[in-house]
Amino acid sequence: MIIFISGGARSGKSHFSEQTALSLYNQGNEENQRGSLYYIATAKKSDEEMVERIEIHQQDRGKVWKTIEESFDLERILSTCKKQDVILIDCLTIWLSNVLFEWEYSLEKAEMAVNGWLSLAREREFHLLIVSNDVNEGIPFSDEVVLTYIYSLQRLHQTIVEQSELVVEVQAGISTYWKGDR
């Protein structure tokens, strides 16, 4: 199952996605379908505040999660996952920023990578939850780099939504199901 979860900054989307992933993992264990529960963190430890936030998130999640810090090559990680694993990628927004600005990916190359993740999830029958930020709301930007980034992110959102079984937006801790149902 592919699940896409979006929302604004501090909307509650990470908490929602973690609870959803944990529920899928527990459901699989109850059905004797032993899988692993992975948290793929795309953020880099760029400063003290980020290091502190990462530590708090890891403590909040607990020991049942296997945390993998990978800012770029997610397909390498996903290619090792197996049936019934539950993988949470948090988040697409940061991953895209990393590959666009540090690895100089084109939009086409980013789309190919994301399509590779989605194909692996379907082929290997693992649960893939992808978290992203809604960054296209509000006052339009006039900066060309910012507009290119927003356009690219929205294209990736459309690609993922098209292939997802469940699409959820979280605002102020309230989830709205746009595709699929609980």
N, C-alpha and C. Protein backbone atom coordinates (compact mmCIF):
# COMPACT_ATOMS: atom_id res chain seq x y z
N MET A 1 0.84 -1.18 0.00
CA MET A 1 0.00 0.00 0.00
C MET A 1 0.89 1.24 0.00
N ILE A 2 0.53 2.19 -0.83
CA ILE A 2 1.23 3.46 -0.90
C ILE A 2 0.31 4.52 -0.31
N ILE A 3 0.86 5.27 0.65
CA ILE A 3 0.10 6.31 1.35
C ILE A 3 0.86 7.62 1.25
N PHE A 4 0.16 8.68 0.85
CA PHE A 4 0.75 10.01 0.77
C PHE A 4 0.10 10.90 1.81
N ILE A 5 0.93 11.56 2.62
CA ILE A 5 0.43 12.42 3.69
C ILE A 5 1.08 13.79 3.54
N SER A 6 0.24 14.82 3.45
CA SER A 6 0.78 16.17 3.31
C SER A 6 0.16 17.09 4.35
N GLY A 7 0.76 18.25 4.48
CA GLY A 7 0.26 19.27 5.39
C GLY A 7 1.29 20.38 5.51
N GLY A 8 0.89 21.45 6.14
CA GLY A 8 1.79 22.57 6.35
C GLY A 8 2.78 22.29 7.48
N ALA A 9 3.69 23.23 7.70
CA ALA A 9 4.65 23.11 8.79
C ALA A 9 3.91 23.03 10.12
N ARG A 10 4.31 22.08 10.95
CA ARG A 10 3.74 21.88 12.29
C ARG A 10 2.24 21.59 12.26
N SER A 11 1.79 20.92 11.21
CA SER A 11 0.36 20.63 11.06
C SER A 11 -0.07 19.37 11.79
N GLY A 12 0.89 18.53 12.15
CA GLY A 12 0.58 17.25 12.78
C GLY A 12 0.75 16.08 11.82
N LYS A 13 1.26 16.35 10.61
CA LYS A 13 1.39 15.30 9.61
C LYS A 13 2.39 14.22 10.01
N SER A 14 3.48 14.58 10.66
CA SER A 14 4.46 13.56 11.07
C SER A 14 3.87 12.65 12.14
N HIS A 15 3.18 13.23 13.10
CA HIS A 15 2.54 12.42 14.14
C HIS A 15 1.50 11.49 13.51
N PHE A 16 0.69 12.02 12.63
CA PHE A 16 -0.33 11.21 11.96
C PHE A 16 0.32 10.07 11.19
N SER A 17 1.37 10.38 10.43
CA SER A 17 2.02 9.35 9.61
C SER A 17 2.67 8.28 10.48
N GLU A 18 3.27 8.67 11.58
CA GLU A 18 3.88 7.70 12.50
C GLU A 18 2.83 6.79 13.10
N GLN A 19 1.69 7.34 13.50
CA GLN A 19 0.61 6.53 14.06
C GLN A 19 0.03 5.58 13.01
N THR A 20 -0.09 6.05 11.77
CA THR A 20 -0.59 5.21 10.69
C THR A 20 0.38 4.07 10.40
N ALA A 21 1.66 4.38 10.32
CA ALA A 21 2.67 3.35 10.07
C ALA A 21 2.69 2.32 11.20
N LEU A 22 2.64 2.79 12.43
CA LEU A 22 2.65 1.89 13.59
C LEU A 22 1.42 0.99 13.57
N SER A 23 0.28 1.53 13.19
CA SER A 23 -0.94 0.74 13.10
C SER A 23 -0.81 -0.36 12.03
N LEU A 24 -0.27 -0.03 10.88
CA LEU A 24 -0.06 -1.03 9.82
C LEU A 24 0.91 -2.12 10.29
N TYR A 25 1.95 -1.70 10.97
CA TYR A 25 2.95 -2.64 11.50
C TYR A 25 2.31 -3.58 12.52
N ASN A 26 1.55 -3.03 13.46
CA ASN A 26 0.90 -3.85 14.49
C ASN A 26 -0.14 -4.78 13.87
N GLN A 27 -0.87 -4.29 12.88
CA GLN A 27 -1.86 -5.11 12.19
C GLN A 27 -1.18 -6.30 11.52
N GLY A 28 -0.04 -6.06 10.88
CA GLY A 28 0.71 -7.15 10.24
C GLY A 28 1.18 -8.17 11.25
N ASN A 29 1.63 -7.72 12.41
CA ASN A 29 2.09 -8.65 13.45
C ASN A 29 0.94 -9.48 14.00
N GLU A 30 -0.24 -8.88 14.13
CA GLU A 30 -1.41 -9.62 14.60
C GLU A 30 -1.82 -10.70 13.62
N GLU A 31 -1.54 -10.47 12.34
CA GLU A 31 -1.87 -11.44 11.31
C GLU A 31 -0.69 -12.37 11.00
N ASN A 32 0.32 -12.36 11.89
CA ASN A 32 1.53 -13.17 11.74
C ASN A 32 2.28 -12.91 10.45
N GLN A 33 2.20 -11.69 9.98
CA GLN A 33 2.96 -11.28 8.81
C GLN A 33 4.09 -10.39 9.30
N ARG A 34 5.15 -11.01 9.71
CA ARG A 34 6.25 -10.29 10.34
C ARG A 34 6.99 -9.41 9.35
N GLY A 35 6.95 -8.14 9.60
CA GLY A 35 7.71 -7.19 8.82
C GLY A 35 8.47 -6.29 9.77
N SER A 36 9.22 -5.37 9.23
CA SER A 36 9.95 -4.41 10.04
C SER A 36 9.32 -3.03 9.86
N LEU A 37 9.58 -2.16 10.81
CA LEU A 37 9.06 -0.80 10.81
C LEU A 37 10.22 0.16 10.65
N TYR A 38 10.30 0.83 9.49
CA TYR A 38 11.41 1.71 9.17
C TYR A 38 10.97 3.17 9.12
N TYR A 39 11.85 4.02 9.61
CA TYR A 39 11.68 5.46 9.52
C TYR A 39 12.87 5.97 8.73
N ILE A 40 12.65 6.44 7.51
CA ILE A 40 13.73 6.99 6.70
C ILE A 40 13.69 8.51 6.85
N ALA A 41 14.70 9.04 7.50
CA ALA A 41 14.80 10.47 7.75
C ALA A 41 15.66 11.11 6.66
N THR A 42 15.10 12.07 5.95
CA THR A 42 15.83 12.71 4.86
C THR A 42 16.57 13.98 5.30
N ALA A 43 16.27 14.47 6.50
CA ALA A 43 16.92 15.70 6.98
C ALA A 43 18.35 15.42 7.39
N LYS A 44 19.19 16.42 7.21
CA LYS A 44 20.59 16.32 7.62
C LYS A 44 20.77 17.06 8.93
N LYS A 45 21.71 16.60 9.70
CA LYS A 45 22.03 17.26 10.97
C LYS A 45 22.85 18.52 10.66
N SER A 46 22.12 19.56 10.26
CA SER A 46 22.77 20.77 9.75
C SER A 46 23.20 21.76 10.83
N ASP A 47 22.52 21.73 11.97
CA ASP A 47 22.86 22.65 13.06
C ASP A 47 22.39 22.05 14.38
N GLU A 48 22.66 22.74 15.47
CA GLU A 48 22.31 22.24 16.80
C GLU A 48 20.80 22.04 16.97
N GLU A 49 20.01 22.98 16.45
CA GLU A 49 18.56 22.86 16.56
C GLU A 49 18.06 21.59 15.87
N MET A 50 18.61 21.32 14.68
CA MET A 50 18.19 20.14 13.94
C MET A 50 18.61 18.86 14.67
N VAL A 51 19.79 18.84 15.23
CA VAL A 51 20.25 17.68 16.00
C VAL A 51 19.31 17.43 17.17
N GLU A 52 18.93 18.49 17.85
CA GLU A 52 18.01 18.39 18.99
C GLU A 52 16.64 17.88 18.55
N ARG A 53 16.12 18.41 17.46
CA ARG A 53 14.81 17.97 16.96
C ARG A 53 14.83 16.50 16.57
N ILE A 54 15.91 16.07 15.93
CA ILE A 54 16.04 14.66 15.52
C ILE A 54 16.05 13.76 16.74
N GLU A 55 16.80 14.13 17.76
CA GLU A 55 16.87 13.32 19.00
C GLU A 55 15.51 13.21 19.67
N ILE A 56 14.78 14.32 19.72
CA ILE A 56 13.45 14.32 20.34
C ILE A 56 12.51 13.40 19.56
N HIS A 57 12.54 13.50 18.22
CA HIS A 57 11.68 12.66 17.39
C HIS A 57 12.01 11.18 17.58
N GLN A 58 13.30 10.84 17.65
CA GLN A 58 13.70 9.44 17.84
C GLN A 58 13.23 8.92 19.19
N GLN A 59 13.35 9.72 20.23
CA GLN A 59 12.89 9.30 21.56
C GLN A 59 11.37 9.12 21.57
N ASP A 60 10.66 10.02 20.91
CA ASP A 60 9.20 9.94 20.86
C ASP A 60 8.73 8.68 20.14
N ARG A 61 9.44 8.29 19.09
CA ARG A 61 9.04 7.11 18.31
C ARG A 61 9.26 5.81 19.08
N GLY A 62 10.31 5.73 19.87
CA GLY A 62 10.58 4.51 20.61
C GLY A 62 11.47 3.54 19.86
N LYS A 63 11.71 2.41 20.47
CA LYS A 63 12.69 1.46 19.96
C LYS A 63 12.16 0.51 18.89
N VAL A 64 10.86 0.46 18.69
CA VAL A 64 10.30 -0.45 17.69
C VAL A 64 10.70 -0.02 16.27
N TRP A 65 10.98 1.25 16.08
CA TRP A 65 11.36 1.79 14.79
C TRP A 65 12.83 1.54 14.49
N LYS A 66 13.13 1.22 13.24
CA LYS A 66 14.51 1.18 12.76
C LYS A 66 14.71 2.47 11.97
N THR A 67 15.50 3.38 12.52
CA THR A 67 15.70 4.67 11.87
C THR A 67 16.90 4.61 10.94
N ILE A 68 16.67 5.08 9.72
CA ILE A 68 17.74 5.16 8.72
C ILE A 68 17.83 6.61 8.28
N GLU A 69 19.00 7.18 8.41
CA GLU A 69 19.21 8.56 7.96
C GLU A 69 19.81 8.51 6.56
N GLU A 70 19.03 8.96 5.60
CA GLU A 70 19.49 8.97 4.20
C GLU A 70 18.88 10.18 3.52
N SER A 71 19.73 11.07 3.07
CA SER A 71 19.27 12.34 2.50
C SER A 71 19.12 12.31 0.99
N PHE A 72 19.65 11.29 0.33
CA PHE A 72 19.67 11.30 -1.13
C PHE A 72 19.15 10.01 -1.77
N ASP A 73 19.85 8.89 -1.57
CA ASP A 73 19.62 7.66 -2.32
C ASP A 73 18.63 6.75 -1.60
N LEU A 74 17.36 7.09 -1.68
CA LEU A 74 16.33 6.31 -0.99
C LEU A 74 16.05 4.98 -1.69
N GLU A 75 16.25 4.93 -2.99
CA GLU A 75 16.01 3.68 -3.71
C GLU A 75 16.94 2.58 -3.22
N ARG A 76 18.16 2.93 -2.88
CA ARG A 76 19.10 1.95 -2.34
C ARG A 76 18.55 1.31 -1.07
N ILE A 77 17.94 2.11 -0.22
CA ILE A 77 17.36 1.61 1.03
C ILE A 77 16.11 0.78 0.72
N LEU A 78 15.23 1.32 -0.10
CA LEU A 78 13.96 0.66 -0.40
C LEU A 78 14.17 -0.67 -1.12
N SER A 79 15.25 -0.79 -1.87
CA SER A 79 15.49 -2.04 -2.60
C SER A 79 15.83 -3.20 -1.66
N THR A 80 16.09 -2.91 -0.39
CA THR A 80 16.36 -3.98 0.59
C THR A 80 15.12 -4.36 1.39
N CYS A 81 14.03 -3.64 1.20
CA CYS A 81 12.82 -3.89 1.98
C CYS A 81 12.06 -5.08 1.41
N LYS A 82 11.29 -5.73 2.29
CA LYS A 82 10.58 -6.94 1.88
C LYS A 82 9.09 -6.83 2.17
N LYS A 83 8.38 -7.85 1.71
CA LYS A 83 6.94 -7.90 1.88
C LYS A 83 6.58 -7.69 3.35
N GLN A 84 5.55 -6.89 3.57
CA GLN A 84 5.00 -6.58 4.89
C GLN A 84 5.82 -5.59 5.70
N ASP A 85 6.98 -5.14 5.20
CA ASP A 85 7.68 -4.05 5.89
C ASP A 85 6.82 -2.80 5.78
N VAL A 86 6.98 -1.92 6.75
CA VAL A 86 6.29 -0.64 6.75
C VAL A 86 7.39 0.42 6.76
N ILE A 87 7.42 1.25 5.72
CA ILE A 87 8.47 2.25 5.56
C ILE A 87 7.85 3.63 5.51
N LEU A 88 8.32 4.50 6.38
CA LEU A 88 7.86 5.89 6.43
C LEU A 88 9.01 6.78 5.97
N ILE A 89 8.78 7.54 4.92
CA ILE A 89 9.77 8.52 4.44
C ILE A 89 9.33 9.89 4.92
N ASP A 90 10.16 10.53 5.72
CA ASP A 90 9.85 11.85 6.26
C ASP A 90 11.07 12.75 6.04
N CYS A 91 11.12 13.61 5.05
CA CYS A 91 10.00 13.91 4.19
C CYS A 91 10.48 14.16 2.76
N LEU A 92 9.53 14.11 1.84
CA LEU A 92 9.78 14.34 0.42
C LEU A 92 10.30 15.76 0.17
N THR A 93 9.79 16.70 0.90
CA THR A 93 10.16 18.11 0.71
C THR A 93 11.66 18.32 0.90
N ILE A 94 12.19 17.75 1.97
CA ILE A 94 13.62 17.89 2.24
C ILE A 94 14.42 17.07 1.24
N TRP A 95 13.96 15.85 0.93
CA TRP A 95 14.67 15.02 -0.05
C TRP A 95 14.80 15.78 -1.37
N LEU A 96 13.70 16.37 -1.84
CA LEU A 96 13.75 17.09 -3.12
C LEU A 96 14.73 18.25 -3.06
N SER A 97 14.72 18.99 -1.98
CA SER A 97 15.67 20.08 -1.82
C SER A 97 17.11 19.56 -1.88
N ASN A 98 17.36 18.44 -1.22
CA ASN A 98 18.71 17.85 -1.22
C ASN A 98 19.15 17.49 -2.64
N VAL A 99 18.29 16.76 -3.38
CA VAL A 99 18.73 16.28 -4.69
C VAL A 99 18.73 17.39 -5.74
N LEU A 100 17.83 18.37 -5.62
CA LEU A 100 17.83 19.47 -6.59
C LEU A 100 19.04 20.38 -6.42
N PHE A 101 19.34 20.72 -5.18
CA PHE A 101 20.35 21.75 -4.95
C PHE A 101 21.74 21.22 -4.65
N GLU A 102 21.85 19.98 -4.19
CA GLU A 102 23.18 19.43 -3.91
C GLU A 102 23.63 18.45 -4.99
N TRP A 103 22.72 17.63 -5.48
CA TRP A 103 23.08 16.67 -6.52
C TRP A 103 22.68 17.17 -7.91
N GLU A 104 22.04 18.34 -7.96
CA GLU A 104 21.64 18.99 -9.20
C GLU A 104 20.78 18.10 -10.10
N TYR A 105 19.82 17.41 -9.47
CA TYR A 105 18.85 16.61 -10.22
C TYR A 105 17.97 17.53 -11.04
N SER A 106 17.56 17.05 -12.19
CA SER A 106 16.50 17.70 -12.95
C SER A 106 15.17 17.19 -12.38
N LEU A 107 14.09 17.86 -12.74
CA LEU A 107 12.77 17.39 -12.31
C LEU A 107 12.54 15.98 -12.85
N GLU A 108 12.95 15.73 -14.07
CA GLU A 108 12.76 14.40 -14.68
C GLU A 108 13.50 13.33 -13.89
N LYS A 109 14.71 13.63 -13.45
CA LYS A 109 15.47 12.64 -12.69
C LYS A 109 14.83 12.41 -11.31
N ALA A 110 14.32 13.45 -10.69
CA ALA A 110 13.63 13.31 -9.40
C ALA A 110 12.37 12.47 -9.58
N GLU A 111 11.62 12.72 -10.66
CA GLU A 111 10.42 11.92 -10.94
C GLU A 111 10.77 10.46 -11.17
N MET A 112 11.86 10.20 -11.87
CA MET A 112 12.28 8.81 -12.09
C MET A 112 12.60 8.13 -10.77
N ALA A 113 13.27 8.85 -9.88
CA ALA A 113 13.61 8.27 -8.57
C ALA A 113 12.34 7.95 -7.79
N VAL A 114 11.41 8.88 -7.73
CA VAL A 114 10.16 8.66 -6.99
C VAL A 114 9.36 7.51 -7.62
N ASN A 115 9.29 7.47 -8.93
CA ASN A 115 8.60 6.36 -9.59
C ASN A 115 9.27 5.03 -9.27
N GLY A 116 10.59 5.04 -9.11
CA GLY A 116 11.32 3.84 -8.70
C GLY A 116 10.89 3.38 -7.31
N TRP A 117 10.71 4.33 -6.37
CA TRP A 117 10.26 3.98 -5.02
C TRP A 117 8.89 3.32 -5.09
N LEU A 118 7.99 3.94 -5.87
CA LEU A 118 6.62 3.47 -5.95
C LEU A 118 6.56 2.08 -6.59
N SER A 119 7.37 1.87 -7.61
CA SER A 119 7.44 0.55 -8.25
C SER A 119 7.93 -0.51 -7.28
N LEU A 120 8.96 -0.19 -6.52
CA LEU A 120 9.48 -1.14 -5.52
C LEU A 120 8.41 -1.50 -4.50
N ALA A 121 7.66 -0.51 -4.04
CA ALA A 121 6.60 -0.77 -3.05
C ALA A 121 5.56 -1.73 -3.60
N ARG A 122 5.17 -1.53 -4.85
CA ARG A 122 4.17 -2.41 -5.46
C ARG A 122 4.75 -3.80 -5.71
N GLU A 123 5.94 -3.87 -6.27
CA GLU A 123 6.56 -5.16 -6.61
C GLU A 123 6.85 -6.00 -5.37
N ARG A 124 7.38 -5.37 -4.34
CA ARG A 124 7.79 -6.11 -3.15
C ARG A 124 6.69 -6.18 -2.09
N GLU A 125 5.59 -5.50 -2.35
CA GLU A 125 4.41 -5.52 -1.48
C GLU A 125 4.71 -5.07 -0.05
N PHE A 126 5.46 -3.96 0.05
CA PHE A 126 5.61 -3.35 1.36
C PHE A 126 4.77 -2.09 1.42
N HIS A 127 4.51 -1.63 2.64
CA HIS A 127 3.74 -0.41 2.85
C HIS A 127 4.71 0.77 2.79
N LEU A 128 4.40 1.75 1.97
CA LEU A 128 5.24 2.93 1.83
C LEU A 128 4.42 4.16 2.14
N LEU A 129 4.83 4.89 3.17
CA LEU A 129 4.18 6.13 3.55
C LEU A 129 5.15 7.27 3.24
N ILE A 130 4.69 8.25 2.47
CA ILE A 130 5.52 9.38 2.08
C ILE A 130 4.89 10.64 2.64
N VAL A 131 5.67 11.37 3.43
CA VAL A 131 5.23 12.62 4.05
C VAL A 131 5.82 13.79 3.26
N SER A 132 5.01 14.83 3.06
CA SER A 132 5.50 16.02 2.36
C SER A 132 4.79 17.26 2.90
N ASN A 133 5.38 18.40 2.60
CA ASN A 133 4.81 19.68 3.02
C ASN A 133 4.02 20.33 1.89
N ASP A 134 2.96 21.01 2.27
CA ASP A 134 2.23 21.84 1.33
C ASP A 134 2.91 23.20 1.35
N VAL A 135 3.61 23.53 0.27
CA VAL A 135 4.36 24.79 0.24
C VAL A 135 3.84 25.76 -0.81
N ASN A 136 2.76 25.39 -1.50
CA ASN A 136 2.29 26.23 -2.59
C ASN A 136 1.09 27.09 -2.21
N GLU A 137 0.83 27.20 -0.93
CA GLU A 137 -0.31 28.00 -0.50
C GLU A 137 0.18 29.35 0.02
N GLY A 138 -0.60 30.36 -0.16
CA GLY A 138 -0.22 31.67 0.33
C GLY A 138 0.19 32.60 -0.79
N ILE A 139 1.01 33.56 -0.47
CA ILE A 139 1.45 34.59 -1.41
C ILE A 139 2.39 33.97 -2.45
N PRO A 140 2.15 34.19 -3.73
CA PRO A 140 3.03 33.64 -4.77
C PRO A 140 4.45 34.23 -4.66
N PHE A 141 5.42 33.40 -4.97
CA PHE A 141 6.81 33.84 -4.93
C PHE A 141 7.23 34.36 -6.30
N SER A 142 8.11 35.34 -6.30
CA SER A 142 8.60 35.85 -7.58
C SER A 142 9.99 35.33 -7.89
N ASP A 143 10.65 34.71 -6.92
CA ASP A 143 11.99 34.17 -7.12
C ASP A 143 11.92 32.91 -8.00
N GLU A 144 12.68 32.89 -9.07
CA GLU A 144 12.63 31.79 -10.03
C GLU A 144 13.05 30.45 -9.42
N VAL A 145 14.05 30.46 -8.56
CA VAL A 145 14.51 29.22 -7.93
C VAL A 145 13.42 28.65 -7.02
N VAL A 146 12.78 29.52 -6.25
CA VAL A 146 11.70 29.08 -5.36
C VAL A 146 10.53 28.55 -6.18
N LEU A 147 10.17 29.24 -7.25
CA LEU A 147 9.07 28.78 -8.10
C LEU A 147 9.39 27.43 -8.75
N THR A 148 10.62 27.25 -9.19
CA THR A 148 11.03 25.97 -9.78
C THR A 148 10.92 24.85 -8.75
N TYR A 149 11.35 25.12 -7.54
CA TYR A 149 11.26 24.12 -6.47
C TYR A 149 9.80 23.77 -6.18
N ILE A 150 8.95 24.78 -6.02
CA ILE A 150 7.53 24.55 -5.73
C ILE A 150 6.87 23.78 -6.87
N TYR A 151 7.16 24.17 -8.10
CA TYR A 151 6.61 23.47 -9.25
C TYR A 151 7.06 22.00 -9.25
N SER A 152 8.31 21.78 -8.99
CA SER A 152 8.85 20.42 -8.96
C SER A 152 8.19 19.59 -7.87
N LEU A 153 8.04 20.16 -6.69
CA LEU A 153 7.42 19.44 -5.59
C LEU A 153 5.97 19.09 -5.93
N GLN A 154 5.25 20.02 -6.52
CA GLN A 154 3.86 19.76 -6.87
C GLN A 154 3.75 18.67 -7.94
N ARG A 155 4.68 18.64 -8.88
CA ARG A 155 4.70 17.56 -9.88
C ARG A 155 4.91 16.21 -9.19
N LEU A 156 5.82 16.16 -8.22
CA LEU A 156 6.06 14.91 -7.49
C LEU A 156 4.82 14.53 -6.68
N HIS A 157 4.17 15.51 -6.07
CA HIS A 157 2.93 15.23 -5.34
C HIS A 157 1.91 14.58 -6.27
N GLN A 158 1.73 15.14 -7.46
CA GLN A 158 0.76 14.59 -8.41
C GLN A 158 1.12 13.17 -8.81
N THR A 159 2.40 12.92 -9.04
CA THR A 159 2.87 11.58 -9.40
C THR A 159 2.55 10.59 -8.29
N ILE A 160 2.84 10.95 -7.06
CA ILE A 160 2.62 10.05 -5.92
C ILE A 160 1.12 9.85 -5.67
N VAL A 161 0.36 10.94 -5.70
CA VAL A 161 -1.08 10.86 -5.45
C VAL A 161 -1.75 9.93 -6.47
N GLU A 162 -1.36 10.06 -7.71
CA GLU A 162 -1.94 9.22 -8.77
C GLU A 162 -1.74 7.73 -8.47
N GLN A 163 -0.62 7.37 -7.85
CA GLN A 163 -0.30 5.97 -7.61
C GLN A 163 -0.59 5.50 -6.18
N SER A 164 -1.09 6.38 -5.35
CA SER A 164 -1.36 6.04 -3.95
C SER A 164 -2.76 5.46 -3.77
N GLU A 165 -2.86 4.55 -2.82
CA GLU A 165 -4.17 4.03 -2.44
C GLU A 165 -4.86 4.96 -1.44
N LEU A 166 -4.06 5.67 -0.66
CA LEU A 166 -4.59 6.55 0.38
C LEU A 166 -3.84 7.88 0.33
N VAL A 167 -4.61 8.98 0.32
CA VAL A 167 -4.03 10.33 0.31
C VAL A 167 -4.71 11.12 1.42
N VAL A 168 -3.89 11.68 2.31
CA VAL A 168 -4.40 12.38 3.49
C VAL A 168 -3.69 13.72 3.62
N GLU A 169 -4.47 14.74 3.94
CA GLU A 169 -3.91 16.05 4.26
C GLU A 169 -4.21 16.33 5.74
N VAL A 170 -3.20 16.82 6.45
CA VAL A 170 -3.37 17.11 7.87
C VAL A 170 -3.24 18.62 8.08
N GLN A 171 -4.25 19.19 8.74
CA GLN A 171 -4.24 20.61 9.09
C GLN A 171 -4.63 20.73 10.54
N ALA A 172 -3.78 21.39 11.32
CA ALA A 172 -4.06 21.60 12.75
C ALA A 172 -4.40 20.29 13.46
N GLY A 173 -3.73 19.22 13.04
CA GLY A 173 -3.94 17.92 13.67
C GLY A 173 -5.16 17.16 13.20
N ILE A 174 -5.89 17.74 12.26
CA ILE A 174 -7.11 17.09 11.74
C ILE A 174 -6.81 16.53 10.36
N SER A 175 -7.12 15.25 10.17
CA SER A 175 -6.84 14.60 8.90
C SER A 175 -8.05 14.62 7.98
N THR A 176 -7.80 14.95 6.71
CA THR A 176 -8.82 14.93 5.68
C THR A 176 -8.37 13.91 4.63
N TYR A 177 -9.23 12.93 4.37
CA TYR A 177 -8.92 11.88 3.41
C TYR A 177 -9.39 12.31 2.03
N TRP A 178 -8.45 12.48 1.10
CA TRP A 178 -8.77 12.93 -0.25
C TRP A 178 -8.91 11.76 -1.21
N LYS A 179 -8.25 10.65 -0.89
CA LYS A 179 -8.32 9.47 -1.75
C LYS A 179 -8.24 8.25 -0.86
N GLY A 180 -9.09 7.27 -1.11
CA GLY A 180 -9.13 6.09 -0.27
C GLY A 180 -9.87 6.40 1.03
N ASP A 181 -9.92 5.42 1.89
CA ASP A 181 -10.57 5.65 3.18
C ASP A 181 -9.85 4.86 4.25
N ARG A 182 -10.17 5.19 5.47
CA ARG A 182 -9.52 4.57 6.61
C ARG A 182 -9.63 3.12 6.54
